[in-house]
PDB file of N, CA and C in Angstrom:
ATOM      1  N   PRO A   1       0.583  -1.263  -0.278  1.00  0.00           N
ATOM      2  CA  PRO A   1      -0.031  -0.134  -0.272  1.00  0.00           C
ATOM      3  C   PRO A   1       0.901   1.180  -0.497  1.00  0.00           C
ATOM      4  N   TRP A   2       1.836   1.436   0.116  1.00  0.00           N
ATOM      5  CA  TRP A   2       2.582   2.306   0.405  1.00  0.00           C
ATOM      6  C   TRP A   2       3.408   2.372  -1.229  1.00  0.00           C
ATOM      7  N   LYS A   3       4.232   3.275  -1.004  1.00  0.00           N
ATOM      8  CA  LYS A   3       4.507   3.594  -1.951  1.00  0.00           C
ATOM      9  C   LYS A   3       6.217   4.359  -2.369  1.00  0.00           C
ATOM     10  N   THR A   4       6.466   4.721  -0.779  1.00  0.00           N
ATOM     11  CA  THR A   4       7.792   5.250  -1.066  1.00  0.00           C
ATOM     12  C   THR A   4       8.622   4.527  -0.003  1.00  0.00           C
ATOM     13  N   VAL A   5       9.501   4.810   0.537  1.00  0.00           N
ATOM     14  CA  VAL A   5      10.177   3.993   1.949  1.00  0.00           C
ATOM     15  C   VAL A   5       9.894   5.161   2.539  1.00  0.00           C
ATOM     16  N   GLU A   6       9.745   6.814   2.176  1.00  0.00           N
ATOM     17  CA  GLU A   6       9.006   8.053   2.951  1.00  0.00           C
ATOM     18  C   GLU A   6       8.046   7.573   4.149  1.00  0.00           C
ATOM     19  N   ALA A   7       7.374   7.125   2.920  1.00  0.00           N
ATOM     20  CA  ALA A   7       6.033   6.902   3.425  1.00  0.00           C
ATOM     21  C   ALA A   7       5.604   5.445   4.536  1.00  0.00           C
ATOM     22  N   VAL A   8       6.521   4.760   4.380  1.00  0.00           N
ATOM     23  CA  VAL A   8       6.455   3.482   5.240  1.00  0.00           C
ATOM     24  C   VAL A   8       7.065   4.257   6.521  1.00  0.00           C
ATOM     25  N   GLU A   9       7.908   4.706   6.464  1.00  0.00           N
ATOM     26  CA  GLU A   9       9.309   5.746   7.533  1.00  0.00           C
ATOM     27  C   GLU A   9       8.111   6.196   8.322  1.00  0.00           C
ATOM     28  N   LEU A  10       7.248   6.863   7.937  1.00  0.00           N
ATOM     29  CA  LEU A  10       6.258   7.419   8.450  1.00  0.00           C
ATOM     30  C   LEU A  10       5.064   6.829   9.254  1.00  0.00           C
ATOM     31  N   ALA A  11       4.981   6.083   8.747  1.00  0.00           N
ATOM     32  CA  ALA A  11       4.162   4.984   8.958  1.00  0.00           C
ATOM     33  C   ALA A  11       4.004   4.616   9.847  1.00  0.00           C
ATOM     34  N   THR A  12       5.536   4.197  10.272  1.00  0.00           N
ATOM     35  CA  THR A  12       5.885   3.369  11.453  1.00  0.00           C
ATOM     36  C   THR A  12       5.874   4.244  12.399  1.00  0.00           C
ATOM     37  N   LEU A  13       6.805   5.642  12.613  1.00  0.00           N
ATOM     38  CA  LEU A  13       7.352   6.335  13.159  1.00  0.00           C
ATOM     39  C   LEU A  13       5.524   6.791  14.006  1.00  0.00           C
ATOM     40  N   GLU A  14       4.320   7.210  13.121  1.00  0.00           N
ATOM     41  CA  GLU A  14       3.297   6.632  13.890  1.00  0.00           C
ATOM     42  C   GLU A  14       2.170   6.047  14.083  1.00  0.00           C
ATOM     43  N   TRP A  15       2.655   4.923  14.298  1.00  0.00           N
ATOM     44  CA  TRP A  15       2.448   3.744  15.240  1.00  0.00           C
ATOM     45  C   TRP A  15       3.451   3.180  16.309  1.00  0.00           C
ATOM     46  N   VAL A  16       4.496   3.891  15.863  1.00  0.00           N
ATOM     47  CA  VAL A  16       5.109   3.718  17.195  1.00  0.00           C
ATOM     48  C   VAL A  16       4.909   4.542  18.038  1.00  0.00           C
ATOM     49  N   THR A  17       4.408   6.157  17.593  1.00  0.00           N
ATOM     50  CA  THR A  17       4.078   7.088  18.495  1.00  0.00           C
ATOM     51  C   THR A  17       2.349   6.461  19.387  1.00  0.00           C
ATOM     52  N   TRP A  18       2.377   6.510  18.446  1.00  0.00           N
ATOM     53  CA  TRP A  18       0.461   5.874  18.803  1.00  0.00           C
ATOM     54  C   TRP A  18       0.706   4.440  19.884  1.00  0.00           C
ATOM     55  N   PHE A  19       1.647   3.237  19.892  1.00  0.00           N
ATOM     56  CA  PHE A  19       2.187   2.379  20.780  1.00  0.00           C
ATOM     57  C   PHE A  19       3.162   2.528  21.891  1.00  0.00           C
ATOM     58  N   ASN A  20       3.446   3.619  22.126  1.00  0.00           N
ATOM     59  CA  ASN A  20       3.693   4.541  23.557  1.00  0.00           C
ATOM     60  C   ASN A  20       3.246   5.336  24.000  1.00  0.00           C
ATOM     61  N   HIS A  21       2.399   6.385  23.659  1.00  0.00           N
ATOM     62  CA  HIS A  21       2.342   7.672  23.745  1.00  0.00           C
ATOM     63  C   HIS A  21       0.463   7.594  24.196  1.00  0.00           C
ATOM     64  N   GLN A  22      -0.212   6.540  23.704  1.00  0.00           N
ATOM     65  CA  GLN A  22      -1.745   6.670  23.235  1.00  0.00           C
ATOM     66  C   GLN A  22      -2.221   5.294  23.781  1.00  0.00           C
ATOM     67  N   ARG A  23      -1.385   4.163  23.441  1.00  0.00           N
ATOM     68  CA  ARG A  23      -1.904   3.064  24.092  1.00  0.00           C
ATOM     69  C   ARG A  23      -2.259   3.091  25.696  1.00  0.00           C
ATOM     70  N   LEU A  24      -3.447   2.562  26.133  1.00  0.00           N
ATOM     71  CA  LEU A  24      -3.447   1.872  27.465  1.00  0.00           C
ATOM     72  C   LEU A  24      -3.279   0.946  27.970  1.00  0.00           C
ATOM     73  N   LEU A  25      -2.581   0.686  28.587  1.00  0.00           N
ATOM     74  CA  LEU A  25      -2.989  -0.692  29.155  1.00  0.00           C
ATOM     75  C   LEU A  25      -2.867  -0.993  30.042  1.00  0.00           C
ATOM     76  N   GLU A  26      -4.120  -2.157  30.624  1.00  0.00           N
ATOM     77  CA  GLU A  26      -4.407  -1.946  32.032  1.00  0.00           C
ATOM     78  C   GLU A  26      -3.576  -3.105  32.951  1.00  0.00           C
ATOM     79  N   PRO A  27      -2.754  -3.304  32.890  1.00  0.00           N
ATOM     80  CA  PRO A  27      -1.760  -3.973  33.749  1.00  0.00           C
ATOM     81  C   PRO A  27      -1.048  -2.863  34.319  1.00  0.00           C
ATOM     82  N   ILE A  28      -0.731  -2.190  34.121  1.00  0.00           N
ATOM     83  CA  ILE A  28      -0.298  -0.642  34.364  1.00  0.00           C
ATOM     84  C   ILE A  28      -1.018   0.934  35.123  1.00  0.00           C
ATOM     85  N   GLY A  29      -2.151   0.119  34.710  1.00  0.00           N
ATOM     86  CA  GLY A  29      -3.643   1.077  35.429  1.00  0.00           C
ATOM     87  C   GLY A  29      -3.709   2.060  34.278  1.00  0.00           C
ATOM     88  N   TYR A  30      -4.090   1.745  33.082  1.00  0.00           N
ATOM     89  CA  TYR A  30      -4.653   2.056  31.321  1.00  0.00           C
ATOM     90  C   TYR A  30      -3.320   3.773  32.039  1.00  0.00           C
ATOM     91  N   ILE A  31      -2.680   3.479  31.443  1.00  0.00           N
ATOM     92  CA  ILE A  31      -1.826   4.622  31.312  1.00  0.00           C
ATOM     93  C   ILE A  31      -1.220   4.403  29.688  1.00  0.00           C
ATOM     94  N   PRO A  32      -0.510   5.009  29.199  1.00  0.00           N
ATOM     95  CA  PRO A  32       0.849   4.253  28.155  1.00  0.00           C
ATOM     96  C   PRO A  32       1.674   3.666  28.569  1.00  0.00           C
ATOM     97  N   PRO A  33       2.735   3.301  28.463  1.00  0.00           N
ATOM     98  CA  PRO A  33       3.824   3.087  28.417  1.00  0.00           C
ATOM     99  C   PRO A  33       4.747   4.225  28.769  1.00  0.00           C
ATOM    100  N   ALA A  34       4.554   5.233  27.780  1.00  0.00           N
ATOM    101  CA  ALA A  34       5.745   6.052  27.934  1.00  0.00           C
ATOM    102  C   ALA A  34       5.384   7.203  29.002  1.00  0.00           C
ATOM    103  N   GLU A  35       3.905   6.363  29.447  1.00  0.00           N
ATOM    104  CA  GLU A  35       3.922   7.758  31.148  1.00  0.00           C
ATOM    105  C   GLU A  35       4.601   7.110  31.882  1.00  0.00           C
ATOM    106  N   ALA A  36       4.098   5.455  31.741  1.00  0.00           N
ATOM    107  CA  ALA A  36       4.503   4.561  33.550  1.00  0.00           C
ATOM    108  C   ALA A  36       6.198   4.824  33.392  1.00  0.00           C
ATOM    109  N   GLU A  37       6.589   4.690  32.495  1.00  0.00           N
ATOM    110  CA  GLU A  37       8.654   4.422  32.421  1.00  0.00           C
ATOM    111  C   GLU A  37       8.697   6.333  33.244  1.00  0.00           C
ATOM    112  N   GLU A  38       7.879   7.259  32.759  1.00  0.00           N
ATOM    113  CA  GLU A  38       8.180   8.538  33.418  1.00  0.00           C
ATOM    114  C   GLU A  38       8.117   8.574  34.941  1.00  0.00           C
ATOM    115  N   ARG A  39       6.953   8.072  35.357  1.00  0.00           N
ATOM    116  CA  ARG A  39       6.910   7.644  36.472  1.00  0.00           C
ATOM    117  C   ARG A  39       7.946   6.603  37.041  1.00  0.00           C
ATOM    118  N   TYR A  40       7.857   6.008  36.927  1.00  0.00           N
ATOM    119  CA  TYR A  40       9.134   4.778  37.402  1.00  0.00           C
ATOM    120  C   TYR A  40      10.523   5.745  37.321  1.00  0.00           C
ATOM    121  N   TYR A  41      11.305   6.496  36.151  1.00  0.00           N
ATOM    122  CA  TYR A  41      12.312   6.899  36.924  1.00  0.00           C
ATOM    123  C   TYR A  41      12.231   8.354  37.829  1.00  0.00           C
ATOM    124  N   SER A  42      11.025   8.865  37.772  1.00  0.00           N
ATOM    125  CA  SER A  42      11.052  10.063  38.265  1.00  0.00           C
ATOM    126  C   SER A  42      11.187   9.526  39.686  1.00  0.00           C
ATOM    127  N   GLN A  43      10.359   8.116  40.300  1.00  0.00           N
ATOM    128  CA  GLN A  43      10.341   7.443  41.684  1.00  0.00           C
ATOM    129  C   GLN A  43      11.995   7.466  41.748  1.00  0.00           C
ATOM    130  N   LEU A  44      12.632   7.123  41.038  1.00  0.00           N
ATOM    131  CA  LEU A  44      14.342   6.640  41.176  1.00  0.00           C
ATOM    132  C   LEU A  44      15.381   7.714  41.521  1.00  0.00           C
ATOM    133  N   ALA A  45      14.642   8.829  41.005  1.00  0.00           N
ATOM    134  CA  ALA A  45      15.737  10.380  40.751  1.00  0.00           C
ATOM    135  C   ALA A  45      15.529  10.460  42.626  1.00  0.00           C
ATOM    136  N   PRO A  46      14.797  10.728  42.656  1.00  0.00           N
ATOM    137  CA  PRO A  46      15.196  11.195  44.784  1.00  0.00           C
ATOM    138  C   PRO A  46      15.972  10.381  45.130  1.00  0.00           C
ATOM    139  N   GLN A  47      15.853   8.666  45.312  1.00  0.00           N
ATOM    140  CA  GLN A  47      16.840   8.134  45.322  1.00  0.00           C
ATOM    141  C   GLN A  47      17.884   7.893  45.236  1.00  0.00           C
ATOM    142  N   ALA A  48      18.424   8.592  44.202  1.00  0.00           N
ATOM    143  CA  ALA A  48      19.659   8.892  43.571  1.00  0.00           C
ATOM    144  C   ALA A  48      20.444  10.014  43.796  1.00  0.00           C
ATOM    145  N   GLU A  49      19.643  10.893  44.815  1.00  0.00           N
ATOM    146  CA  GLU A  49      19.945  12.158  44.697  1.00  0.00           C
ATOM    147  C   GLU A  49      20.455  11.910  46.555  1.00  0.00           C
ATOM    148  N   TYR A  50      20.060  10.507  46.722  1.00  0.00           N
ATOM    149  CA  TYR A  50      20.380  10.379  48.438  1.00  0.00           C
ATOM    150  C   TYR A  50      21.520   9.344  48.847  1.00  0.00           C
ATOM    151  N   ALA A  51      21.466   8.740  47.380  1.00  0.00           N
ATOM    152  CA  ALA A  51      22.994   7.875  47.278  1.00  0.00           C
ATOM    153  C   ALA A  51      24.129   8.667  46.968  1.00  0.00           C
ATOM    154  N   CYS A  52      24.372   9.997  46.722  1.00  0.00           N
ATOM    155  CA  CYS A  52      25.270  10.548  46.384  1.00  0.00           C
ATOM    156  C   CYS A  52      25.739  11.653  47.200  1.00  0.00           C
ATOM    157  N   THR A  53      25.309  11.353  48.296  1.00  0.00           N
ATOM    158  CA  THR A  53      25.245  12.707  49.418  1.00  0.00           C
ATOM    159  C   THR A  53      26.118  11.601  50.813  1.00  0.00           C
TER     160      THR A  53
END
């Protein structure tokens, strides 16, 4: 269906964006994977600050 390599690349980028930023996952509380990752690393940040002092 795609006529150029660029069209395939664009469709792939759009799908990856949807997959990571819009798709809601039940096992992680109906939030997108990117949000879950952001929450995970924000919880680690305060712990890392204490470990350095």
